[in-house]
């Protein structure tokens, strides 16, 4: 019992609780308005059962919900790495949990010049989660020489072009690509499979997007949640994401077609009226 109280006190979610109460109220109201002749048992008994169900759902929501997320989920990382002048934070993974009330989580990959590690699942707000839906595998925070950059970009791009970190080299096919050197030589490996060779043509495109403070997903949209890099590294997430995207497109198309159909019907009706 004590553990249950601790659970409810620690993880109590006001929004989830309000939703659960609304569900219980809806069930009760529906039953109260139902034809009395079809009642399988008396209303007092039903109220008792409904109350028990609502209390049980409140318990589940209280114990199953995540702690309230911070406004900026990267705040803790910034505090922990306050003395570090250079690092990147990649959105390593994301997930939703819950039935009646959804909880949202991120997992981050923190990359320093000579080391990297993954965080635990971090609760984030629904708004922040939705804003990040297309950013899987992207760098969502870069700190370079003490300066923060919050514009999402492919891993490693925030350090390209600076001779303190590497140099441009020419490949056998004549195309230029970026090579990290010195203490940053291993940084491409530390990105855990998210890093791919950076060519000058891609970097030029990234630079234009950065000036407009917009995320850059690559010349072929190979980065981000809908790119082939995520498809290879996180196939389950990619499949789920694409199903969601396709459903949204289908719903939008059906909505537009429905409106067009109603417009044509309305026009025919007006036209027919004039001819009489």
C-alpha atoms as a PDB file:
ATOM      1  CA  UNK A   1       0.000   0.000   0.000  1.00  0.00           C
ATOM      2  CA  UNK A   2       2.854   2.362   0.873  1.00  0.00           C
ATOM      3  CA  UNK A   3       4.498   1.635  -2.479  1.00  0.00           C
ATOM      4  CA  UNK A   4       1.235   2.436  -4.246  1.00  0.00           C
ATOM      5  CA  UNK A   5       0.986   5.777  -2.442  1.00  0.00           C
ATOM      6  CA  UNK A   6       4.575   6.601  -3.345  1.00  0.00           C
ATOM      7  CA  UNK A   7       3.907   5.659  -6.947  1.00  0.00           C
ATOM      8  CA  UNK A   8       0.848   7.910  -7.173  1.00  0.00           C
ATOM      9  CA  UNK A   9       2.588  10.795  -5.405  1.00  0.00           C
ATOM     10  CA  UNK A  10       5.711  10.604  -7.545  1.00  0.00           C
ATOM     11  CA  UNK A  11       4.169   9.997 -10.963  1.00  0.00           C
ATOM     12  CA  UNK A  12       0.734  11.593 -10.606  1.00  0.00           C
ATOM     13  CA  UNK A  13      -0.300  13.019 -13.961  1.00  0.00           C
ATOM     14  CA  UNK A  14      -3.090  15.664 -13.679  1.00  0.00           C
ATOM     15  CA  UNK A  15      -3.977  15.554 -17.382  1.00  0.00           C
ATOM     16  CA  UNK A  16      -4.214  11.757 -17.400  1.00  0.00           C
ATOM     17  CA  UNK A  17      -6.343  11.872 -14.251  1.00  0.00           C
ATOM     18  CA  UNK A  18      -8.728  14.419 -15.767  1.00  0.00           C
ATOM     19  CA  UNK A  19      -9.097  12.291 -18.898  1.00  0.00           C
ATOM     20  CA  UNK A  20      -9.813   9.191 -16.837  1.00  0.00           C
ATOM     21  CA  UNK A  21     -12.502  10.991 -14.821  1.00  0.00           C
ATOM     22  CA  UNK A  22     -14.075  12.153 -18.084  1.00  0.00           C
ATOM     23  CA  UNK A  23     -14.139   8.548 -19.352  1.00  0.00           C
ATOM     24  CA  UNK A  24     -15.873   7.432 -16.173  1.00  0.00           C
ATOM     25  CA  UNK A  25     -18.355  10.298 -16.374  1.00  0.00           C
ATOM     26  CA  UNK A  26     -19.147   9.452 -19.993  1.00  0.00           C
ATOM     27  CA  UNK A  27     -19.806   5.807 -19.150  1.00  0.00           C
ATOM     28  CA  UNK A  28     -22.011   6.766 -16.212  1.00  0.00           C
ATOM     29  CA  UNK A  29     -23.977   9.335 -18.211  1.00  0.00           C
ATOM     30  CA  UNK A  30     -24.527   6.904 -21.082  1.00  0.00           C
ATOM     31  CA  UNK A  31     -25.880   4.308 -18.701  1.00  0.00           C
ATOM     32  CA  UNK A  32     -28.144   6.786 -16.848  1.00  0.00           C
ATOM     33  CA  UNK A  33     -29.810   7.774 -20.129  1.00  0.00           C
ATOM     34  CA  UNK A  34     -30.223   4.170 -21.266  1.00  0.00           C
ATOM     35  CA  UNK A  35     -33.731   2.679 -21.407  1.00  0.00           C
ATOM     36  CA  UNK A  36     -34.501   1.596 -17.852  1.00  0.00           C
ATOM     37  CA  UNK A  37     -36.399  -1.439 -19.076  1.00  0.00           C
ATOM     38  CA  UNK A  38     -33.120  -2.836 -20.447  1.00  0.00           C
ATOM     39  CA  UNK A  39     -31.048  -2.324 -17.290  1.00  0.00           C
ATOM     40  CA  UNK A  40     -29.348  -5.627 -16.447  1.00  0.00           C
ATOM     41  CA  UNK A  41     -28.880  -4.540 -12.786  1.00  0.00           C
ATOM     42  CA  UNK A  42     -29.850  -1.575 -10.548  1.00  0.00           C
ATOM     43  CA  UNK A  43     -28.185   1.831 -10.983  1.00  0.00           C
ATOM     44  CA  UNK A  44     -26.592   1.889  -7.467  1.00  0.00           C
ATOM     45  CA  UNK A  45     -24.750  -1.332  -8.291  1.00  0.00           C
ATOM     46  CA  UNK A  46     -23.631   0.126 -11.612  1.00  0.00           C
ATOM     47  CA  UNK A  47     -22.357   3.270  -9.883  1.00  0.00           C
ATOM     48  CA  UNK A  48     -20.313   1.156  -7.506  1.00  0.00           C
ATOM     49  CA  UNK A  49     -18.785  -0.822 -10.386  1.00  0.00           C
ATOM     50  CA  UNK A  50     -18.076   2.346 -12.379  1.00  0.00           C
ATOM     51  CA  UNK A  51     -16.433   4.004  -9.356  1.00  0.00           C
ATOM     52  CA  UNK A  52     -14.195   0.981  -8.877  1.00  0.00           C
ATOM     53  CA  UNK A  53     -13.196   1.050 -12.542  1.00  0.00           C
ATOM     54  CA  UNK A  54     -12.409   4.774 -12.443  1.00  0.00           C
ATOM     55  CA  UNK A  55     -10.290   4.380  -9.291  1.00  0.00           C
ATOM     56  CA  UNK A  56      -8.407   1.507 -10.893  1.00  0.00           C
ATOM     57  CA  UNK A  57      -7.728   3.559 -14.041  1.00  0.00           C
ATOM     58  CA  UNK A  58      -6.566   6.469 -11.900  1.00  0.00           C
ATOM     59  CA  UNK A  59      -4.106   4.127 -10.213  1.00  0.00           C
ATOM     60  CA  UNK A  60      -2.803   2.852 -13.559  1.00  0.00           C
ATOM     61  CA  UNK A  61      -2.423   6.364 -14.952  1.00  0.00           C
ATOM     62  CA  UNK A  62      -0.685   7.514 -11.787  1.00  0.00           C
ATOM     63  CA  UNK A  63       1.804   4.634 -11.761  1.00  0.00           C
ATOM     64  CA  UNK A  64       2.248   4.203 -15.490  1.00  0.00           C
ATOM     65  CA  UNK A  65       2.755   7.838 -16.443  1.00  0.00           C
ATOM     66  CA  UNK A  66       6.176   9.414 -16.737  1.00  0.00           C
ATOM     67  CA  UNK A  67       7.283  12.282 -14.496  1.00  0.00           C
ATOM     68  CA  UNK A  68       6.348  15.699 -15.859  1.00  0.00           C
ATOM     69  CA  UNK A  69       8.828  16.513 -18.650  1.00  0.00           C
ATOM     70  CA  UNK A  70      11.043  19.564 -18.555  1.00  0.00           C
ATOM     71  CA  UNK A  71      10.372  22.398 -20.984  1.00  0.00           C
ATOM     72  CA  UNK A  72      13.834  21.834 -22.482  1.00  0.00           C
ATOM     73  CA  UNK A  73      14.735  18.123 -22.315  1.00  0.00           C
ATOM     74  CA  UNK A  74      18.367  18.951 -23.097  1.00  0.00           C
ATOM     75  CA  UNK A  75      18.764  21.146 -20.011  1.00  0.00           C
ATOM     76  CA  UNK A  76      20.226  18.336 -17.891  1.00  0.00           C
ATOM     77  CA  UNK A  77      22.791  17.484 -20.578  1.00  0.00           C
ATOM     78  CA  UNK A  78      23.833  21.130 -20.807  1.00  0.00           C
ATOM     79  CA  UNK A  79      24.279  21.271 -17.021  1.00  0.00           C
ATOM     80  CA  UNK A  80      26.251  18.025 -16.911  1.00  0.00           C
ATOM     81  CA  UNK A  81      28.546  19.121 -19.742  1.00  0.00           C
ATOM     82  CA  UNK A  82      28.807  22.770 -18.732  1.00  0.00           C
ATOM     83  CA  UNK A  83      32.610  22.597 -18.681  1.00  0.00           C
ATOM     84  CA  UNK A  84      32.837  20.908 -22.089  1.00  0.00           C
ATOM     85  CA  UNK A  85      33.418  23.318 -24.971  1.00  0.00           C
ATOM     86  CA  UNK A  86      32.659  20.915 -27.822  1.00  0.00           C
ATOM     87  CA  UNK A  87      30.044  18.166 -28.184  1.00  0.00           C
ATOM     88  CA  UNK A  88      26.973  17.047 -30.140  1.00  0.00           C
ATOM     89  CA  UNK A  89      23.632  15.572 -29.083  1.00  0.00           C
ATOM     90  CA  UNK A  90      21.915  13.207 -31.530  1.00  0.00           C
ATOM     91  CA  UNK A  91      18.292  12.095 -31.276  1.00  0.00           C
ATOM     92  CA  UNK A  92      19.055   8.389 -30.944  1.00  0.00           C
ATOM     93  CA  UNK A  93      15.510   7.075 -30.435  1.00  0.00           C
ATOM     94  CA  UNK A  94      11.939   8.057 -29.543  1.00  0.00           C
ATOM     95  CA  UNK A  95       8.805   6.268 -28.360  1.00  0.00           C
ATOM     96  CA  UNK A  96       5.237   6.690 -27.096  1.00  0.00           C
ATOM     97  CA  UNK A  97       3.732   4.750 -24.196  1.00  0.00           C
ATOM     98  CA  UNK A  98       0.290   4.522 -22.640  1.00  0.00           C
ATOM     99  CA  UNK A  99      -3.276   3.717 -23.661  1.00  0.00           C
ATOM    100  CA  UNK A 100      -5.604   6.346 -22.222  1.00  0.00           C
ATOM    101  CA  UNK A 101      -2.925   9.019 -21.958  1.00  0.00           C
ATOM    102  CA  UNK A 102       0.244   8.979 -24.041  1.00  0.00           C
ATOM    103  CA  UNK A 103       3.668   9.573 -22.513  1.00  0.00           C
ATOM    104  CA  UNK A 104       6.530  10.583 -24.797  1.00  0.00           C
ATOM    105  CA  UNK A 105      10.219   9.750 -24.498  1.00  0.00           C
ATOM    106  CA  UNK A 106      13.519  10.525 -26.186  1.00  0.00           C
ATOM    107  CA  UNK A 107      16.886   8.820 -25.975  1.00  0.00           C
ATOM    108  CA  UNK A 108      19.976  10.836 -26.864  1.00  0.00           C
ATOM    109  CA  UNK A 109      23.484  10.029 -28.068  1.00  0.00           C
ATOM    110  CA  UNK A 110      26.048  12.439 -26.603  1.00  0.00           C
ATOM    111  CA  UNK A 111      29.223  12.719 -28.676  1.00  0.00           C
ATOM    112  CA  UNK A 112      32.417  14.355 -27.403  1.00  0.00           C
ATOM    113  CA  UNK A 113      35.670  14.582 -29.384  1.00  0.00           C
ATOM    114  CA  UNK A 114      37.023  11.355 -27.847  1.00  0.00           C
ATOM    115  CA  UNK A 115      34.021   9.661 -26.234  1.00  0.00           C
ATOM    116  CA  UNK A 116      30.274   9.050 -26.615  1.00  0.00           C
ATOM    117  CA  UNK A 117      27.385   7.526 -24.655  1.00  0.00           C
ATOM    118  CA  UNK A 118      23.610   7.140 -24.715  1.00  0.00           C
ATOM    119  CA  UNK A 119      21.248   8.615 -22.147  1.00  0.00           C
ATOM    120  CA  UNK A 120      18.364   6.752 -20.512  1.00  0.00           C
ATOM    121  CA  UNK A 121      14.840   7.322 -21.806  1.00  0.00           C
ATOM    122  CA  UNK A 122      13.995  10.955 -21.085  1.00  0.00           C
ATOM    123  CA  UNK A 123      10.367  12.157 -20.757  1.00  0.00           C
ATOM    124  CA  UNK A 124       9.507  14.995 -23.136  1.00  0.00           C
ATOM    125  CA  UNK A 125       6.353  16.993 -23.713  1.00  0.00           C
ATOM    126  CA  UNK A 126       3.949  15.987 -26.463  1.00  0.00           C
ATOM    127  CA  UNK A 127       4.603  19.304 -28.207  1.00  0.00           C
ATOM    128  CA  UNK A 128       8.373  18.775 -28.205  1.00  0.00           C
ATOM    129  CA  UNK A 129       7.947  15.163 -29.296  1.00  0.00           C
ATOM    130  CA  UNK A 130       5.810  16.172 -32.279  1.00  0.00           C
ATOM    131  CA  UNK A 131       8.264  18.906 -33.276  1.00  0.00           C
ATOM    132  CA  UNK A 132      11.044  16.294 -33.284  1.00  0.00           C
ATOM    133  CA  UNK A 133       9.182  13.612 -35.248  1.00  0.00           C
ATOM    134  CA  UNK A 134      11.274  14.146 -38.390  1.00  0.00           C
ATOM    135  CA  UNK A 135      14.628  14.448 -36.583  1.00  0.00           C
ATOM    136  CA  UNK A 136      15.559  10.850 -35.741  1.00  0.00           C
ATOM    137  CA  UNK A 137      19.310  10.372 -36.175  1.00  0.00           C
ATOM    138  CA  UNK A 138      19.915  14.106 -36.503  1.00  0.00           C
ATOM    139  CA  UNK A 139      22.103  16.320 -34.339  1.00  0.00           C
ATOM    140  CA  UNK A 140      19.611  18.447 -32.401  1.00  0.00           C
ATOM    141  CA  UNK A 141      22.207  20.323 -30.347  1.00  0.00           C
ATOM    142  CA  UNK A 142      25.799  21.218 -31.142  1.00  0.00           C
ATOM    143  CA  UNK A 143      28.228  23.040 -28.884  1.00  0.00           C
ATOM    144  CA  UNK A 144      31.319  24.189 -30.701  1.00  0.00           C
ATOM    145  CA  UNK A 145      34.035  26.196 -28.980  1.00  0.00           C
ATOM    146  CA  UNK A 146      31.552  27.131 -26.255  1.00  0.00           C
ATOM    147  CA  UNK A 147      28.792  28.314 -28.611  1.00  0.00           C
ATOM    148  CA  UNK A 148      25.438  26.467 -28.832  1.00  0.00           C
ATOM    149  CA  UNK A 149      23.663  25.722 -32.106  1.00  0.00           C
ATOM    150  CA  UNK A 150      20.081  24.397 -31.833  1.00  0.00           C
ATOM    151  CA  UNK A 151      19.361  24.012 -35.554  1.00  0.00           C
ATOM    152  CA  UNK A 152      19.009  20.309 -36.428  1.00  0.00           C
ATOM    153  CA  UNK A 153      21.576  18.957 -38.885  1.00  0.00           C
ATOM    154  CA  UNK A 154      23.140  15.680 -40.010  1.00  0.00           C
ATOM    155  CA  UNK A 155      25.766  14.359 -37.544  1.00  0.00           C
ATOM    156  CA  UNK A 156      29.144  16.068 -37.814  1.00  0.00           C
ATOM    157  CA  UNK A 157      28.059  18.914 -40.079  1.00  0.00           C
ATOM    158  CA  UNK A 158      28.426  21.506 -37.318  1.00  0.00           C
ATOM    159  CA  UNK A 159      32.221  21.096 -37.333  1.00  0.00           C
ATOM    160  CA  UNK A 160      32.817  20.908 -41.071  1.00  0.00           C
ATOM    161  CA  UNK A 161      34.710  23.734 -42.771  1.00  0.00           C
ATOM    162  CA  UNK A 162      36.713  24.626 -39.660  1.00  0.00           C
ATOM    163  CA  UNK A 163      40.452  23.831 -40.126  1.00  0.00           C
ATOM    164  CA  UNK A 164      40.749  23.213 -36.375  1.00  0.00           C
ATOM    165  CA  UNK A 165      38.653  20.070 -36.827  1.00  0.00           C
ATOM    166  CA  UNK A 166      39.613  18.691 -40.232  1.00  0.00           C
ATOM    167  CA  UNK A 167      40.148  19.372 -43.901  1.00  0.00           C
ATOM    168  CA  UNK A 168      38.680  18.842 -47.352  1.00  0.00           C
ATOM    169  CA  UNK A 169      40.224  16.008 -49.344  1.00  0.00           C
ATOM    170  CA  UNK A 170      39.680  14.950 -52.930  1.00  0.00           C
ATOM    171  CA  UNK A 171      38.469  11.434 -53.625  1.00  0.00           C
ATOM    172  CA  UNK A 172      39.455   9.183 -56.517  1.00  0.00           C
ATOM    173  CA  UNK A 173      36.313  10.256 -58.396  1.00  0.00           C
ATOM    174  CA  UNK A 174      37.238  13.917 -58.082  1.00  0.00           C
ATOM    175  CA  UNK A 175      34.629  14.801 -55.443  1.00  0.00           C
ATOM    176  CA  UNK A 176      35.661  16.582 -52.245  1.00  0.00           C
ATOM    177  CA  UNK A 177      34.830  15.110 -48.831  1.00  0.00           C
ATOM    178  CA  UNK A 178      35.548  16.156 -45.258  1.00  0.00           C
ATOM    179  CA  UNK A 179      38.153  14.369 -43.125  1.00  0.00           C
ATOM    180  CA  UNK A 180      38.399  14.932 -39.363  1.00  0.00           C
ATOM    181  CA  UNK A 181      41.933  14.872 -37.943  1.00  0.00           C
ATOM    182  CA  UNK A 182      43.895  15.287 -34.735  1.00  0.00           C
ATOM    183  CA  UNK A 183      41.916  14.648 -31.564  1.00  0.00           C
ATOM    184  CA  UNK A 184      38.742  14.720 -33.678  1.00  0.00           C
ATOM    185  CA  UNK A 185      39.870  11.884 -35.951  1.00  0.00           C
ATOM    186  CA  UNK A 186      37.559   9.364 -34.250  1.00  0.00           C
ATOM    187  CA  UNK A 187      34.507  11.586 -34.054  1.00  0.00           C
ATOM    188  CA  UNK A 188      32.893  10.075 -37.156  1.00  0.00           C
ATOM    189  CA  UNK A 189      32.982   6.622 -35.494  1.00  0.00           C
ATOM    190  CA  UNK A 190      31.610   7.968 -32.210  1.00  0.00           C
ATOM    191  CA  UNK A 191      28.328   8.931 -33.887  1.00  0.00           C
ATOM    192  CA  UNK A 192      27.360   5.257 -33.732  1.00  0.00           C
ATOM    193  CA  UNK A 193      26.394   4.621 -37.344  1.00  0.00           C
ATOM    194  CA  UNK A 194      24.533   7.905 -37.838  1.00  0.00           C
ATOM    195  CA  UNK A 195      27.540   9.571 -39.454  1.00  0.00           C
ATOM    196  CA  UNK A 196      27.980   9.303 -43.222  1.00  0.00           C
ATOM    197  CA  UNK A 197      30.689  10.851 -45.439  1.00  0.00           C
ATOM    198  CA  UNK A 198      30.213  14.592 -45.868  1.00  0.00           C
ATOM    199  CA  UNK A 199      30.722  15.825 -49.411  1.00  0.00           C
ATOM    200  CA  UNK A 200      31.242  19.468 -50.296  1.00  0.00           C
ATOM    201  CA  UNK A 201      28.082  19.601 -52.424  1.00  0.00           C
ATOM    202  CA  UNK A 202      25.992  18.452 -49.456  1.00  0.00           C
ATOM    203  CA  UNK A 203      27.755  20.855 -47.119  1.00  0.00           C
ATOM    204  CA  UNK A 204      27.035  23.787 -49.430  1.00  0.00           C
ATOM    205  CA  UNK A 205      23.339  22.887 -49.264  1.00  0.00           C
ATOM    206  CA  UNK A 206      23.516  22.585 -45.478  1.00  0.00           C
ATOM    207  CA  UNK A 207      25.146  26.008 -45.191  1.00  0.00           C
ATOM    208  CA  UNK A 208      22.221  27.647 -47.024  1.00  0.00           C
ATOM    209  CA  UNK A 209      19.678  25.958 -44.753  1.00  0.00           C
ATOM    210  CA  UNK A 210      21.640  26.897 -41.645  1.00  0.00           C
ATOM    211  CA  UNK A 211      21.565  30.571 -42.599  1.00  0.00           C
ATOM    212  CA  UNK A 212      17.754  30.289 -42.715  1.00  0.00           C
ATOM    213  CA  UNK A 213      17.773  28.344 -39.396  1.00  0.00           C
ATOM    214  CA  UNK A 214      16.081  25.345 -41.046  1.00  0.00           C
ATOM    215  CA  UNK A 215      16.961  21.637 -40.617  1.00  0.00           C
ATOM    216  CA  UNK A 216      18.898  20.122 -43.506  1.00  0.00           C
ATOM    217  CA  UNK A 217      18.025  16.535 -44.460  1.00  0.00           C
ATOM    218  CA  UNK A 218      20.614  16.034 -47.206  1.00  0.00           C
ATOM    219  CA  UNK A 219      20.562  16.514 -50.978  1.00  0.00           C
ATOM    220  CA  UNK A 220      18.539  13.289 -51.334  1.00  0.00           C
ATOM    221  CA  UNK A 221      16.625  13.557 -48.041  1.00  0.00           C
ATOM    222  CA  UNK A 222      18.721  10.681 -46.746  1.00  0.00           C
ATOM    223  CA  UNK A 223      18.772  12.014 -43.180  1.00  0.00           C
ATOM    224  CA  UNK A 224      15.957  12.330 -40.660  1.00  0.00           C
ATOM    225  CA  UNK A 225      13.064  10.044 -39.724  1.00  0.00           C
ATOM    226  CA  UNK A 226      11.983   9.453 -43.337  1.00  0.00           C
ATOM    227  CA  UNK A 227      15.487   8.926 -44.745  1.00  0.00           C
ATOM    228  CA  UNK A 228      17.166   5.699 -45.771  1.00  0.00           C
ATOM    229  CA  UNK A 229      19.721   5.993 -42.940  1.00  0.00           C
ATOM    230  CA  UNK A 230      16.955   5.616 -40.340  1.00  0.00           C
ATOM    231  CA  UNK A 231      15.423   2.879 -42.491  1.00  0.00           C
ATOM    232  CA  UNK A 232      18.666   0.898 -42.156  1.00  0.00           C
ATOM    233  CA  UNK A 233      19.402   1.643 -38.491  1.00  0.00           C
ATOM    234  CA  UNK A 234      15.863   1.769 -37.022  1.00  0.00           C
ATOM    235  CA  UNK A 235      13.656  -0.286 -39.410  1.00  0.00           C
ATOM    236  CA  UNK A 236      10.748  -0.692 -36.962  1.00  0.00           C
ATOM    237  CA  UNK A 237      10.551   3.020 -36.228  1.00  0.00           C
ATOM    238  CA  UNK A 238      10.883   3.811 -39.937  1.00  0.00           C
ATOM    239  CA  UNK A 239       8.016   1.469 -40.867  1.00  0.00           C
ATOM    240  CA  UNK A 240       5.772   2.928 -38.161  1.00  0.00           C
ATOM    241  CA  UNK A 241       6.660   6.485 -39.149  1.00  0.00           C
ATOM    242  CA  UNK A 242       5.994   5.900 -42.856  1.00  0.00           C
ATOM    243  CA  UNK A 243       2.643   4.241 -42.082  1.00  0.00           C
ATOM    244  CA  UNK A 244       1.685   7.343 -40.115  1.00  0.00           C
ATOM    245  CA  UNK A 245       2.854   9.678 -42.903  1.00  0.00           C
ATOM    246  CA  UNK A 246       0.993   7.705 -45.577  1.00  0.00           C
ATOM    247  CA  UNK A 247      -2.170   7.669 -43.455  1.00  0.00           C
ATOM    248  CA  UNK A 248      -1.999  11.444 -43.040  1.00  0.00           C
ATOM    249  CA  UNK A 249      -1.576  11.872 -46.790  1.00  0.00           C
ATOM    250  CA  UNK A 250      -4.489   9.510 -47.477  1.00  0.00           C
ATOM    251  CA  UNK A 251      -6.738  11.302 -44.963  1.00  0.00           C
ATOM    252  CA  UNK A 252      -5.859  14.658 -46.504  1.00  0.00           C
ATOM    253  CA  UNK A 253      -6.547  13.380 -50.043  1.00  0.00           C
ATOM    254  CA  UNK A 254      -9.901  11.926 -49.000  1.00  0.00           C
ATOM    255  CA  UNK A 255     -10.809  15.175 -47.269  1.00  0.00           C
ATOM    256  CA  UNK A 256      -9.960  17.212 -50.369  1.00  0.00           C
ATOM    257  CA  UNK A 257     -11.845  14.823 -52.677  1.00  0.00           C
ATOM    258  CA  UNK A 258     -14.839  14.973 -50.366  1.00  0.00           C
ATOM    259  CA  UNK A 259     -14.869  18.764 -50.494  1.00  0.00           C
ATOM    260  CA  UNK A 260     -14.496  18.750 -54.292  1.00  0.00           C
ATOM    261  CA  UNK A 261     -17.375  16.272 -54.551  1.00  0.00           C
ATOM    262  CA  UNK A 262     -19.629  18.445 -52.419  1.00  0.00           C
ATOM    263  CA  UNK A 263     -18.693  21.516 -54.475  1.00  0.00           C
ATOM    264  CA  UNK A 264     -19.538  19.785 -57.768  1.00  0.00           C
ATOM    265  CA  UNK A 265     -22.871  18.570 -56.368  1.00  0.00           C
ATOM    266  CA  UNK A 266     -23.681  22.070 -55.172  1.00  0.00           C
ATOM    267  CA  UNK A 267     -22.803  23.562 -58.567  1.00  0.00           C
ATOM    268  CA  UNK A 268     -25.015  21.007 -60.383  1.00  0.00           C
ATOM    269  CA  UNK A 269     -27.892  21.782 -58.043  1.00  0.00           C
ATOM    270  CA  UNK A 270     -27.615  25.522 -58.705  1.00  0.00           C
ATOM    271  CA  UNK A 271     -27.280  24.910 -62.442  1.00  0.00           C
ATOM    272  CA  UNK A 272     -30.368  22.692 -62.459  1.00  0.00           C
ATOM    273  CA  UNK A 273     -32.325  25.329 -60.612  1.00  0.00           C
ATOM    274  CA  UNK A 274     -31.595  27.935 -63.243  1.00  0.00           C
ATOM    275  CA  UNK A 275     -32.798  25.703 -66.051  1.00  0.00           C
ATOM    276  CA  UNK A 276     -36.274  25.258 -64.602  1.00  0.00           C
END
